[in-house]
Protein backbone atom coordinates (compact mmCIF):
# COMPACT_ATOMS: atom_id res chain seq x y z
CA MET A 1 -59.55 -70.77 -136.89
CA ALA A 2 -57.63 -68.26 -135.22
CA TYR A 3 -56.32 -68.89 -131.73
CA PRO A 4 -56.54 -66.40 -128.91
CA ASN A 5 -53.18 -64.90 -128.37
CA PRO A 6 -52.66 -62.51 -125.26
CA ASN A 7 -49.10 -61.62 -126.49
CA PRO A 8 -48.45 -58.51 -128.85
CA ASN A 9 -46.64 -60.46 -131.44
CA PRO A 10 -48.10 -63.36 -133.55
CA TYR A 11 -46.21 -66.20 -131.64
CA PRO A 12 -48.51 -68.12 -129.31
CA TYR A 13 -45.57 -68.60 -126.66
CA PRO A 14 -43.11 -66.04 -125.48
CA TYR A 15 -40.79 -65.39 -128.35
CA PRO A 16 -37.60 -67.15 -127.84
CA ASN A 17 -34.19 -65.38 -127.82
CA PRO A 18 -32.87 -64.67 -131.35
CA SER A 19 -29.09 -65.30 -130.41
CA SER A 20 -30.48 -68.59 -128.62
CA THR A 21 -28.82 -71.89 -129.94
CA SER A 22 -30.20 -74.07 -127.14
CA ASN A 23 -32.70 -76.71 -127.30
CA GLN A 24 -34.34 -76.25 -123.85
CA PRO A 25 -37.71 -77.95 -123.89
CA PHE A 26 -40.24 -75.11 -123.90
CA PRO A 27 -42.22 -74.77 -120.28
CA ASN A 28 -45.63 -75.30 -121.82
CA PRO A 29 -47.19 -77.35 -124.80
CA VAL A 30 -47.58 -75.76 -127.97
CA SER A 31 -50.28 -76.82 -129.48
CA ILE A 32 -51.16 -76.05 -133.07
CA ILE A 33 -53.25 -78.88 -133.84
CA GLY A 34 -54.12 -80.74 -130.62
CA PRO A 35 -52.93 -80.48 -127.23
CA HIS A 36 -53.10 -84.17 -127.11
CA PHE A 37 -50.10 -84.42 -129.57
CA CYS A 38 -47.89 -82.56 -127.48
CA ALA A 39 -45.51 -84.57 -125.05
CA PRO A 40 -43.32 -83.40 -122.19
CA TYR A 41 -40.72 -85.54 -123.79
CA PRO A 42 -38.88 -85.91 -127.30
CA VAL A 43 -40.70 -88.16 -129.63
CA ASP A 44 -38.99 -89.89 -132.51
CA LEU A 45 -41.15 -90.27 -135.45
CA ALA A 46 -40.48 -92.89 -138.28
CA ILE A 47 -41.51 -91.53 -141.63
CA ILE A 48 -41.97 -94.28 -144.40
CA LYS A 49 -42.14 -91.31 -147.42
CA LYS A 50 -43.10 -93.66 -150.30
CA ASP A 51 -46.48 -94.35 -148.56
CA PHE A 52 -46.29 -91.67 -146.07
CA VAL A 53 -47.22 -93.55 -143.26
CA VAL A 54 -45.69 -92.44 -139.61
CA ILE A 55 -45.17 -94.85 -137.12
CA ASP A 56 -43.19 -94.53 -133.65
CA ILE A 57 -40.25 -96.62 -132.67
CA ASN A 58 -41.96 -99.22 -131.41
CA GLY A 59 -43.99 -100.01 -134.74
CA ASN A 60 -47.11 -98.63 -134.11
CA ILE A 61 -48.90 -96.39 -136.53
CA LEU A 62 -49.16 -92.72 -135.60
CA PHE A 63 -50.29 -90.95 -138.76
CA LYS A 64 -51.24 -91.67 -142.57
CA VAL A 65 -51.36 -89.50 -145.46
CA LYS A 66 -54.20 -89.93 -148.28
CA GLU A 67 -53.86 -88.47 -151.69
CA LYS A 68 -56.79 -87.76 -153.81
CA PHE A 69 -56.48 -90.04 -156.92
CA LEU A 70 -55.52 -87.76 -159.87
CA SER A 71 -56.44 -84.45 -157.68
CA LEU A 72 -56.14 -81.61 -159.59
CA HIS A 73 -55.27 -79.54 -156.58
CA GLY A 74 -52.75 -81.90 -154.91
CA ARG A 75 -54.98 -82.14 -151.74
CA ARG A 76 -53.60 -84.39 -149.10
CA VAL A 77 -55.47 -85.41 -145.71
CA LEU A 78 -53.50 -86.42 -142.69
CA PHE A 79 -55.28 -89.29 -140.53
CA ASP A 80 -54.53 -90.53 -137.10
CA GLY A 81 -53.95 -94.13 -136.75
CA ALA A 82 -57.76 -95.14 -136.29
CA GLY A 83 -58.11 -93.42 -139.67
CA ASN A 84 -59.48 -89.93 -138.35
CA PRO A 85 -58.89 -86.61 -140.49
CA ILE A 86 -56.80 -84.57 -138.39
CA VAL A 87 -56.00 -81.84 -140.94
CA THR A 88 -56.09 -81.16 -144.58
CA LEU A 89 -53.31 -79.75 -146.73
CA LYS A 90 -54.13 -77.96 -149.64
CA PRO A 91 -51.68 -76.04 -151.98
CA LYS A 92 -53.32 -72.77 -152.95
CA ILE A 93 -53.21 -72.53 -156.65
CA MET A 94 -51.50 -69.47 -158.39
CA SER A 95 -49.63 -68.52 -155.50
CA ALA A 96 -46.32 -66.38 -155.76
CA HIS A 97 -44.46 -68.57 -153.08
CA ASP A 98 -46.04 -71.93 -153.61
CA ARG A 99 -48.20 -71.27 -150.24
CA TRP A 100 -49.82 -74.24 -148.72
CA GLN A 101 -53.28 -74.10 -146.23
CA VAL A 102 -53.82 -76.34 -143.74
CA PHE A 103 -57.09 -76.60 -142.40
CA LYS A 104 -59.01 -78.43 -139.51
CA GLY A 105 -60.18 -82.12 -139.77
CA ASP A 106 -61.30 -82.75 -143.49
CA SER A 107 -62.46 -79.09 -143.96
CA THR A 108 -61.13 -76.64 -146.35
CA ASP A 109 -63.23 -73.26 -144.89
CA ALA A 110 -61.51 -70.18 -144.12
CA SER A 111 -62.97 -70.22 -140.64
CA ASP A 112 -61.11 -73.87 -139.82
CA LEU A 113 -57.74 -72.46 -141.02
CA LEU A 114 -55.10 -73.49 -138.40
CA PHE A 115 -51.82 -72.00 -140.83
CA SER A 116 -50.27 -71.74 -143.99
CA ALA A 117 -46.62 -72.11 -145.30
CA ARG A 118 -44.94 -70.43 -148.11
CA ARG A 119 -41.58 -70.52 -149.71
CA SER A 120 -39.24 -67.66 -147.76
CA SER A 121 -37.97 -66.71 -151.46
CA MET A 122 -38.95 -67.84 -154.90
CA PHE A 123 -35.13 -68.35 -156.07
CA GLN A 124 -33.57 -71.08 -153.45
CA SER A 125 -30.75 -73.47 -153.30
CA LYS A 126 -32.62 -75.35 -150.76
CA THR A 127 -36.30 -75.46 -149.59
CA GLU A 128 -36.82 -72.82 -146.79
CA VAL A 129 -40.43 -72.30 -145.76
CA ASP A 130 -41.96 -69.71 -143.25
CA VAL A 131 -44.93 -70.65 -141.68
CA PHE A 132 -47.82 -68.38 -140.31
CA LEU A 133 -50.50 -69.50 -137.67
CA ALA A 134 -53.92 -68.42 -138.55
CA ASN A 135 -54.03 -65.38 -136.20
CA ASN A 136 -50.84 -63.87 -137.76
CA THR A 137 -52.79 -62.02 -140.64
CA LYS A 138 -49.96 -59.53 -140.91
CA GLU A 139 -47.45 -62.18 -141.78
CA GLU A 140 -44.45 -59.68 -140.93
CA VAL A 141 -42.51 -62.41 -138.61
CA CYS A 142 -43.05 -66.24 -139.18
CA ASP A 143 -44.10 -68.42 -136.62
CA PHE A 144 -41.95 -71.46 -137.48
CA LYS A 145 -39.48 -71.67 -140.46
CA VAL A 146 -38.45 -75.10 -142.14
CA LYS A 147 -35.00 -75.42 -143.75
CA GLY A 148 -33.94 -78.60 -145.65
CA SER A 149 -33.29 -80.67 -148.57
CA TRP A 150 -34.45 -83.78 -149.54
CA SER A 151 -31.49 -84.56 -151.24
CA GLU A 152 -29.10 -83.82 -148.56
CA ARG A 153 -31.43 -85.68 -145.89
CA SER A 154 -31.88 -82.39 -144.14
CA PHE A 155 -34.90 -81.08 -142.36
CA VAL A 156 -35.02 -78.72 -139.44
CA VAL A 157 -37.97 -76.75 -137.83
CA TYR A 158 -37.04 -73.40 -135.78
CA ALA A 159 -39.13 -71.59 -133.63
CA GLY A 160 -39.95 -68.25 -135.73
CA GLU A 161 -37.01 -66.43 -136.85
CA SER A 162 -34.54 -67.90 -134.04
CA SER A 163 -32.10 -70.38 -133.87
CA THR A 164 -34.08 -72.41 -131.67
CA ILE A 165 -34.76 -75.93 -132.82
CA VAL A 166 -38.04 -77.62 -132.04
CA SER A 167 -37.62 -80.39 -134.76
CA GLN A 168 -35.01 -82.10 -136.72
CA MET A 169 -34.75 -85.23 -139.09
CA HIS A 170 -31.37 -87.29 -138.25
CA LYS A 171 -29.94 -90.17 -140.64
CA LYS A 172 -29.38 -92.48 -137.55
CA HIS A 173 -31.77 -93.24 -134.97
CA THR A 174 -30.14 -92.21 -131.77
CA VAL A 175 -31.08 -95.30 -130.12
CA GLU A 176 -31.10 -98.57 -132.33
CA ASN A 177 -28.43 -96.71 -134.77
CA ILE A 178 -30.64 -97.30 -137.77
CA LEU A 179 -29.27 -96.56 -141.08
CA ILE A 180 -31.86 -94.63 -142.81
CA GLU A 181 -32.95 -95.73 -146.52
CA LYS A 182 -33.76 -93.53 -149.05
CA ASP A 183 -37.54 -93.13 -148.45
CA LYS A 184 -37.18 -93.86 -144.65
CA PHE A 185 -36.12 -91.33 -142.12
CA MET A 186 -36.40 -90.44 -138.43
CA VAL A 187 -37.43 -86.99 -136.93
CA THR A 188 -37.19 -86.05 -133.86
CA VAL A 189 -39.84 -83.66 -132.17
CA TYR A 190 -38.63 -81.90 -128.87
CA PRO A 191 -40.40 -81.77 -125.72
CA ASN A 192 -43.91 -80.03 -125.71
CA ILE A 193 -43.91 -79.33 -129.50
CA ASP A 194 -46.81 -80.44 -131.54
CA TYR A 195 -46.00 -83.74 -133.13
CA ALA A 196 -49.13 -83.71 -135.58
CA PHE A 197 -47.86 -80.02 -136.67
CA ILE A 198 -44.55 -81.29 -137.45
CA VAL A 199 -45.87 -84.34 -139.55
CA ALA A 200 -47.83 -81.96 -141.60
CA LEU A 201 -44.90 -79.61 -142.13
CA VAL A 202 -43.02 -82.69 -143.35
CA VAL A 203 -45.94 -82.93 -145.79
CA ILE A 204 -45.56 -79.62 -147.28
CA HIS A 205 -42.01 -80.04 -147.45
CA ASP A 206 -42.17 -83.01 -149.58
CA GLY A 207 -44.83 -81.17 -151.70
CA LEU A 208 -42.91 -78.42 -152.34
CA ASN A 209 -39.32 -80.65 -152.97
CA SER A 210 -41.61 -82.65 -155.34
CA SER A 211 -42.48 -79.76 -157.38
CA GLU A 212 -38.73 -78.77 -157.74
CA GLU A 213 -37.58 -82.37 -158.63
CA GLY A 214 -40.09 -83.03 -161.32
CA GLY A 215 -42.89 -80.45 -161.90
CA GLY A 216 -45.12 -82.36 -159.33
CA ARG A 217 -45.90 -86.32 -158.80
CA VAL A 218 -48.54 -88.51 -160.03
CA GLU A 219 -51.02 -88.45 -156.93
CA VAL A 220 -51.88 -91.92 -155.94
CA GLU A 221 -54.54 -93.36 -153.34
CA VAL A 222 -52.65 -94.37 -150.21
CA GLU A 223 -54.90 -96.65 -147.92
CA VAL A 224 -53.16 -98.05 -145.16
CA GLU A 225 -55.41 -99.64 -142.07
CA ALA A 226 -54.51 -98.86 -138.92
CA GLY A 227 -53.11 -101.50 -136.54
CA GLY A 228 -50.84 -102.61 -139.39
CA ASP A 229 -47.88 -105.00 -138.46
CA PHE A 230 -44.99 -102.72 -138.49
CA ASP A 231 -41.34 -103.59 -137.56
CA VAL A 232 -39.19 -100.65 -136.79
CA PHE A 233 -35.93 -102.42 -137.50
CA GLY A 234 -37.22 -103.91 -140.92
CA TRP A 235 -39.49 -101.34 -141.38
CA LEU A 236 -42.15 -103.30 -142.80
CA ASN A 237 -43.12 -106.86 -142.45
């Protein structure tokens, strides 16, 4: 689905100064998946990568990922804590740069396309991903860029080609000082940035890294019921 854009460039909000290194909050919500996923304050997400469950610092389940059992196409669906499908993530078969497409809800219709993501280059030492919103059909300039490496515990999302960070992973929680284990990490989403969108980028980044590390992984069914008892300090009760 193409979003209306009054700006001449494909960015959905005023394009940041490429030389900017500040992380000042965006004045208006940057909604990619839904405005209710934009908060006027930083949002800390705890991600349990093994089962791909996303919780807040209070232990509430915010999102979960379900993969089709033995799926030939590696399709994944992102659900909210109540079990409602938010987006469907689908790798595009035979694409030169390992492109992923993300659709609204449980749809895979072209009219429901929200954004796509692909490797910036075929030859990379670290995974670098260019993200294009659905209305950015020319794809001359990316709307967001992801840089990082799972082995180095790195995941940073930038606004377009600028140095403005909108979300990043960190090894310790800045408040509770939690040491992050191999399959558990924290991601901070900066104010007014769609945090469901950031979670979708984490899923794509994982898919690309998985293909690098061993030719893909076995698809498993992941089912986590909303309202589960999670302890952010112990991670799982």
